Amino acid sequence: MTLREQIQQVIDDEPVAIFMKGTPEQPACGNSLRALQALWTAGAPITAVNVLPDPQIRQELSALTDWPTIPQVFVKGELLGGADITEELFASGELGRKLDEALGEDREQVVKTVELAATAA
């Protein structure tokens, strides 16, 4: 499976995905932390992909989404945007509504990290 296919699979299969610098346990940039906090506070289950181990992850992601910055947040395959947009949606209550509509109000809040490989084994 190509790296682009792996990225697309995470976007398609995970209820909420965040492509970020670092991991939820150790965010490596303030914007990634801000987006993560907004998602967590809104009650989102979070699947994180660290873009730092391989520059190709970021290149392929940006080519797929036509969005140049990191983090990138997806809900049910839909790109919400980066940290600013995610925080604005949270502040307005729209993020919670989107999560309720997409995932239901009684969703389980879990956090996991998925590692992508440039060459599939």
N, C-alpha and C. Protein backbone atom coordinates (compact mmCIF):
# COMPACT_ATOMS: atom_id res chain seq x y z
N MET A 1 0.85 -1.17 0.00
CA MET A 1 0.00 0.00 0.00
C MET A 1 0.90 1.24 0.00
N THR A 2 0.62 2.16 -0.90
CA THR A 2 1.44 3.37 -0.98
C THR A 2 1.17 4.27 0.21
N LEU A 3 2.06 5.22 0.42
CA LEU A 3 1.88 6.17 1.51
C LEU A 3 0.59 6.97 1.32
N ARG A 4 0.32 7.39 0.10
CA ARG A 4 -0.92 8.14 -0.17
C ARG A 4 -2.15 7.29 0.16
N GLU A 5 -2.10 6.01 -0.18
CA GLU A 5 -3.22 5.11 0.15
C GLU A 5 -3.38 4.95 1.66
N GLN A 6 -2.26 4.89 2.37
CA GLN A 6 -2.33 4.79 3.83
C GLN A 6 -2.96 6.05 4.43
N ILE A 7 -2.56 7.22 3.93
CA ILE A 7 -3.14 8.47 4.40
C ILE A 7 -4.63 8.51 4.13
N GLN A 8 -5.01 8.15 2.89
CA GLN A 8 -6.42 8.15 2.52
C GLN A 8 -7.22 7.18 3.38
N GLN A 9 -6.62 6.05 3.71
CA GLN A 9 -7.30 5.05 4.54
C GLN A 9 -7.58 5.62 5.94
N VAL A 10 -6.62 6.33 6.52
CA VAL A 10 -6.84 6.95 7.83
C VAL A 10 -7.96 7.97 7.73
N ILE A 11 -7.92 8.82 6.71
CA ILE A 11 -8.96 9.84 6.52
C ILE A 11 -10.33 9.19 6.37
N ASP A 12 -10.40 8.12 5.58
CA ASP A 12 -11.68 7.47 5.30
C ASP A 12 -12.21 6.63 6.46
N ASP A 13 -11.30 5.95 7.17
CA ASP A 13 -11.72 4.94 8.15
C ASP A 13 -11.85 5.45 9.58
N GLU A 14 -11.12 6.50 9.93
CA GLU A 14 -11.14 6.97 11.32
C GLU A 14 -12.21 8.05 11.49
N PRO A 15 -12.99 7.97 12.57
CA PRO A 15 -14.04 8.97 12.78
C PRO A 15 -13.50 10.40 12.85
N VAL A 16 -12.40 10.58 13.59
CA VAL A 16 -11.75 11.88 13.68
C VAL A 16 -10.25 11.64 13.55
N ALA A 17 -9.64 12.28 12.57
CA ALA A 17 -8.20 12.12 12.36
C ALA A 17 -7.55 13.49 12.41
N ILE A 18 -6.38 13.53 13.05
CA ILE A 18 -5.58 14.75 13.05
C ILE A 18 -4.17 14.39 12.62
N PHE A 19 -3.73 15.03 11.55
CA PHE A 19 -2.36 14.90 11.08
C PHE A 19 -1.62 16.05 11.74
N MET A 20 -0.68 15.74 12.61
CA MET A 20 -0.08 16.75 13.47
C MET A 20 1.43 16.58 13.58
N LYS A 21 2.06 17.60 14.13
CA LYS A 21 3.48 17.51 14.45
C LYS A 21 3.58 16.97 15.87
N GLY A 22 4.16 15.78 15.99
CA GLY A 22 4.25 15.13 17.28
C GLY A 22 3.09 14.17 17.49
N THR A 23 2.90 13.78 18.74
CA THR A 23 1.84 12.85 19.10
C THR A 23 0.95 13.50 20.16
N PRO A 24 -0.22 12.93 20.44
CA PRO A 24 -1.06 13.50 21.50
C PRO A 24 -0.33 13.56 22.85
N GLU A 25 0.55 12.59 23.09
CA GLU A 25 1.30 12.58 24.34
C GLU A 25 2.42 13.62 24.34
N GLN A 26 2.96 13.92 23.17
CA GLN A 26 4.06 14.88 23.04
C GLN A 26 3.89 15.72 21.79
N PRO A 27 2.95 16.68 21.81
CA PRO A 27 2.80 17.56 20.66
C PRO A 27 4.09 18.34 20.43
N ALA A 28 4.47 18.51 19.17
CA ALA A 28 5.72 19.17 18.83
C ALA A 28 5.52 20.58 18.30
N CYS A 29 4.29 21.07 18.31
CA CYS A 29 4.07 22.47 17.92
C CYS A 29 2.79 22.97 18.58
N GLY A 30 2.74 24.26 18.79
CA GLY A 30 1.60 24.86 19.46
C GLY A 30 0.29 24.72 18.70
N ASN A 31 0.34 24.82 17.37
CA ASN A 31 -0.89 24.68 16.59
C ASN A 31 -1.47 23.28 16.70
N SER A 32 -0.60 22.27 16.66
CA SER A 32 -1.08 20.89 16.82
C SER A 32 -1.71 20.71 18.19
N LEU A 33 -1.10 21.28 19.22
CA LEU A 33 -1.64 21.19 20.57
C LEU A 33 -2.99 21.88 20.67
N ARG A 34 -3.12 23.05 20.06
CA ARG A 34 -4.38 23.80 20.10
C ARG A 34 -5.51 23.02 19.44
N ALA A 35 -5.24 22.45 18.27
CA ALA A 35 -6.28 21.67 17.58
C ALA A 35 -6.64 20.44 18.39
N LEU A 36 -5.64 19.78 18.94
CA LEU A 36 -5.86 18.59 19.76
C LEU A 36 -6.72 18.92 20.98
N GLN A 37 -6.42 20.02 21.65
CA GLN A 37 -7.19 20.41 22.84
C GLN A 37 -8.64 20.73 22.49
N ALA A 38 -8.86 21.39 21.37
CA ALA A 38 -10.25 21.70 20.96
C ALA A 38 -11.01 20.40 20.68
N LEU A 39 -10.38 19.46 19.99
CA LEU A 39 -11.03 18.18 19.71
C LEU A 39 -11.34 17.43 21.01
N TRP A 40 -10.35 17.37 21.88
CA TRP A 40 -10.52 16.63 23.13
C TRP A 40 -11.62 17.24 23.99
N THR A 41 -11.61 18.56 24.11
CA THR A 41 -12.60 19.25 24.94
C THR A 41 -14.01 19.07 24.35
N ALA A 42 -14.11 18.96 23.05
CA ALA A 42 -15.40 18.74 22.39
C ALA A 42 -15.86 17.28 22.49
N GLY A 43 -15.01 16.41 23.03
CA GLY A 43 -15.40 15.02 23.22
C GLY A 43 -15.14 14.13 22.04
N ALA A 44 -14.20 14.50 21.18
CA ALA A 44 -13.93 13.72 19.98
C ALA A 44 -13.04 12.52 20.29
N PRO A 45 -13.33 11.38 19.66
CA PRO A 45 -12.32 10.31 19.64
C PRO A 45 -11.25 10.77 18.66
N ILE A 46 -10.00 10.57 19.00
CA ILE A 46 -8.93 11.15 18.19
C ILE A 46 -7.98 10.07 17.69
N THR A 47 -7.75 10.06 16.39
CA THR A 47 -6.70 9.25 15.79
C THR A 47 -5.68 10.23 15.24
N ALA A 48 -4.46 10.15 15.76
CA ALA A 48 -3.41 11.09 15.39
C ALA A 48 -2.38 10.41 14.51
N VAL A 49 -1.88 11.19 13.55
CA VAL A 49 -0.76 10.75 12.71
C VAL A 49 0.32 11.82 12.84
N ASN A 50 1.50 11.41 13.28
CA ASN A 50 2.63 12.30 13.41
C ASN A 50 3.28 12.45 12.03
N VAL A 51 3.35 13.68 11.52
CA VAL A 51 3.93 13.91 10.19
C VAL A 51 5.45 14.09 10.23
N LEU A 52 6.02 14.17 11.43
CA LEU A 52 7.45 14.49 11.53
C LEU A 52 8.42 13.37 11.16
N PRO A 53 8.10 12.09 11.39
CA PRO A 53 9.10 11.06 11.09
C PRO A 53 9.51 10.98 9.63
N ASP A 54 8.62 11.37 8.72
CA ASP A 54 8.92 11.24 7.30
C ASP A 54 8.32 12.44 6.55
N PRO A 55 9.15 13.28 5.93
CA PRO A 55 8.63 14.46 5.21
C PRO A 55 7.65 14.09 4.10
N GLN A 56 7.73 12.87 3.60
CA GLN A 56 6.81 12.44 2.54
C GLN A 56 5.36 12.40 3.04
N ILE A 57 5.15 12.16 4.32
CA ILE A 57 3.78 12.13 4.86
C ILE A 57 3.13 13.49 4.63
N ARG A 58 3.83 14.53 5.00
CA ARG A 58 3.29 15.89 4.84
C ARG A 58 3.08 16.23 3.36
N GLN A 59 4.04 15.85 2.51
CA GLN A 59 3.93 16.12 1.08
C GLN A 59 2.71 15.43 0.48
N GLU A 60 2.55 14.16 0.79
CA GLU A 60 1.41 13.40 0.24
C GLU A 60 0.08 13.92 0.78
N LEU A 61 0.05 14.25 2.07
CA LEU A 61 -1.18 14.78 2.68
C LEU A 61 -1.57 16.09 2.00
N SER A 62 -0.62 17.00 1.86
CA SER A 62 -0.93 18.29 1.23
C SER A 62 -1.34 18.13 -0.23
N ALA A 63 -0.74 17.16 -0.92
CA ALA A 63 -1.13 16.89 -2.31
C ALA A 63 -2.57 16.37 -2.37
N LEU A 64 -2.95 15.55 -1.41
CA LEU A 64 -4.31 15.00 -1.36
C LEU A 64 -5.35 16.06 -1.03
N THR A 65 -5.03 16.91 -0.06
CA THR A 65 -6.03 17.82 0.47
C THR A 65 -5.97 19.23 -0.11
N ASP A 66 -4.84 19.57 -0.74
CA ASP A 66 -4.61 20.93 -1.22
C ASP A 66 -4.66 21.93 -0.06
N TRP A 67 -4.23 21.46 1.12
CA TRP A 67 -4.16 22.30 2.32
C TRP A 67 -2.71 22.30 2.76
N PRO A 68 -2.05 23.46 2.80
CA PRO A 68 -0.60 23.48 2.97
C PRO A 68 -0.08 23.31 4.40
N THR A 69 -0.91 23.58 5.40
CA THR A 69 -0.39 23.64 6.76
C THR A 69 -0.74 22.40 7.58
N ILE A 70 -0.01 22.25 8.67
CA ILE A 70 -0.24 21.20 9.66
C ILE A 70 -0.56 21.92 10.96
N PRO A 71 -1.53 21.47 11.73
CA PRO A 71 -2.28 20.24 11.62
C PRO A 71 -3.40 20.31 10.57
N GLN A 72 -3.89 19.12 10.23
CA GLN A 72 -5.09 19.00 9.42
C GLN A 72 -6.03 18.07 10.16
N VAL A 73 -7.27 18.54 10.34
CA VAL A 73 -8.27 17.80 11.12
C VAL A 73 -9.39 17.34 10.19
N PHE A 74 -9.75 16.06 10.33
CA PHE A 74 -10.81 15.45 9.52
C PHE A 74 -11.87 14.85 10.43
N VAL A 75 -13.13 15.04 10.07
CA VAL A 75 -14.24 14.36 10.75
C VAL A 75 -15.00 13.59 9.69
N LYS A 76 -15.04 12.28 9.84
CA LYS A 76 -15.73 11.40 8.88
C LYS A 76 -15.28 11.68 7.45
N GLY A 77 -13.97 11.85 7.26
CA GLY A 77 -13.43 12.04 5.93
C GLY A 77 -13.47 13.46 5.40
N GLU A 78 -14.10 14.37 6.14
CA GLU A 78 -14.21 15.76 5.69
C GLU A 78 -13.14 16.61 6.36
N LEU A 79 -12.36 17.33 5.56
CA LEU A 79 -11.34 18.23 6.10
C LEU A 79 -12.01 19.42 6.76
N LEU A 80 -11.79 19.58 8.07
CA LEU A 80 -12.29 20.76 8.76
C LEU A 80 -11.34 21.93 8.56
N GLY A 81 -10.04 21.65 8.68
CA GLY A 81 -9.02 22.68 8.54
C GLY A 81 -7.93 22.48 9.56
N GLY A 82 -7.29 23.58 9.94
CA GLY A 82 -6.18 23.52 10.88
C GLY A 82 -6.59 23.97 12.27
N ALA A 83 -5.60 24.45 13.02
CA ALA A 83 -5.82 24.81 14.42
C ALA A 83 -6.81 25.96 14.58
N ASP A 84 -6.64 27.03 13.80
CA ASP A 84 -7.52 28.19 13.95
C ASP A 84 -8.98 27.82 13.68
N ILE A 85 -9.22 27.12 12.59
CA ILE A 85 -10.59 26.75 12.24
C ILE A 85 -11.17 25.80 13.27
N THR A 86 -10.39 24.84 13.71
CA THR A 86 -10.87 23.88 14.72
C THR A 86 -11.22 24.60 16.01
N GLU A 87 -10.38 25.54 16.43
CA GLU A 87 -10.68 26.31 17.65
C GLU A 87 -11.92 27.19 17.47
N GLU A 88 -12.06 27.81 16.30
CA GLU A 88 -13.24 28.65 16.05
C GLU A 88 -14.51 27.82 16.07
N LEU A 89 -14.45 26.63 15.45
CA LEU A 89 -15.61 25.74 15.46
C LEU A 89 -15.95 25.31 16.88
N PHE A 90 -14.93 25.05 17.69
CA PHE A 90 -15.17 24.68 19.08
C PHE A 90 -15.81 25.83 19.84
N ALA A 91 -15.24 27.04 19.70
CA ALA A 91 -15.74 28.20 20.44
C ALA A 91 -17.19 28.53 20.10
N SER A 92 -17.58 28.30 18.86
CA SER A 92 -18.95 28.61 18.43
C SER A 92 -19.92 27.48 18.76
N GLY A 93 -19.41 26.33 19.17
CA GLY A 93 -20.27 25.17 19.43
C GLY A 93 -20.47 24.30 18.21
N GLU A 94 -19.99 24.77 17.06
CA GLU A 94 -20.18 24.04 15.81
C GLU A 94 -19.41 22.72 15.79
N LEU A 95 -18.23 22.68 16.41
CA LEU A 95 -17.45 21.44 16.44
C LEU A 95 -18.22 20.34 17.16
N GLY A 96 -18.79 20.66 18.30
CA GLY A 96 -19.59 19.68 19.03
C GLY A 96 -20.78 19.20 18.22
N ARG A 97 -21.44 20.12 17.52
CA ARG A 97 -22.59 19.73 16.69
C ARG A 97 -22.15 18.83 15.54
N LYS A 98 -21.02 19.17 14.91
CA LYS A 98 -20.51 18.33 13.83
C LYS A 98 -20.19 16.92 14.33
N LEU A 99 -19.56 16.85 15.49
CA LEU A 99 -19.22 15.55 16.06
C LEU A 99 -20.48 14.76 16.41
N ASP A 100 -21.47 15.44 17.00
CA ASP A 100 -22.73 14.77 17.34
C ASP A 100 -23.41 14.22 16.09
N GLU A 101 -23.46 15.03 15.02
CA GLU A 101 -24.10 14.61 13.77
C GLU A 101 -23.35 13.46 13.13
N ALA A 102 -22.03 13.54 13.10
CA ALA A 102 -21.22 12.54 12.41
C ALA A 102 -21.06 11.25 13.20
N LEU A 103 -20.96 11.37 14.53
CA LEU A 103 -20.58 10.22 15.34
C LEU A 103 -21.59 9.83 16.41
N GLY A 104 -22.59 10.67 16.64
CA GLY A 104 -23.55 10.40 17.69
C GLY A 104 -23.09 11.02 19.01
N GLU A 105 -24.04 11.27 19.88
CA GLU A 105 -23.73 11.95 21.14
C GLU A 105 -23.07 11.04 22.16
N ASP A 106 -23.26 9.73 22.03
CA ASP A 106 -22.72 8.81 23.04
C ASP A 106 -21.44 8.13 22.54
N ARG A 107 -20.64 8.88 21.82
CA ARG A 107 -19.40 8.34 21.27
C ARG A 107 -18.38 8.10 22.39
N GLU A 108 -17.53 7.11 22.17
CA GLU A 108 -16.46 6.82 23.11
C GLU A 108 -15.28 7.72 22.80
N GLN A 109 -14.74 8.34 23.83
CA GLN A 109 -13.60 9.26 23.62
C GLN A 109 -12.31 8.50 23.90
N VAL A 110 -11.62 8.19 22.83
CA VAL A 110 -10.34 7.48 22.92
C VAL A 110 -9.31 8.26 22.10
N VAL A 111 -8.06 8.03 22.41
CA VAL A 111 -6.97 8.65 21.65
C VAL A 111 -6.02 7.55 21.23
N LYS A 112 -5.70 7.54 19.94
CA LYS A 112 -4.70 6.59 19.46
C LYS A 112 -3.84 7.26 18.41
N THR A 113 -2.66 6.68 18.24
CA THR A 113 -1.72 7.19 17.25
C THR A 113 -1.47 6.11 16.22
N VAL A 114 -1.51 6.50 14.95
CA VAL A 114 -1.27 5.58 13.84
C VAL A 114 0.05 5.98 13.19
N GLU A 115 0.90 5.00 12.95
CA GLU A 115 2.17 5.27 12.27
C GLU A 115 2.05 4.85 10.82
N LEU A 116 2.52 5.70 9.92
CA LEU A 116 2.51 5.40 8.50
C LEU A 116 3.93 5.09 8.06
N ALA A 117 4.03 4.24 7.07
CA ALA A 117 5.35 3.87 6.55
C ALA A 117 5.44 4.26 5.08
N ALA A 118 6.54 4.86 4.70
CA ALA A 118 6.72 5.28 3.30
C ALA A 118 6.73 4.08 2.37
N THR A 119 7.25 2.97 2.84
CA THR A 119 7.21 1.74 2.04
C THR A 119 6.49 0.68 2.86
N ALA A 120 5.41 0.20 2.33
CA ALA A 120 4.64 -0.82 3.04
C ALA A 120 5.40 -2.13 3.07
N ALA A 121 5.25 -2.81 4.19
CA ALA A 121 5.96 -4.09 4.34
C ALA A 121 5.28 -5.17 3.55
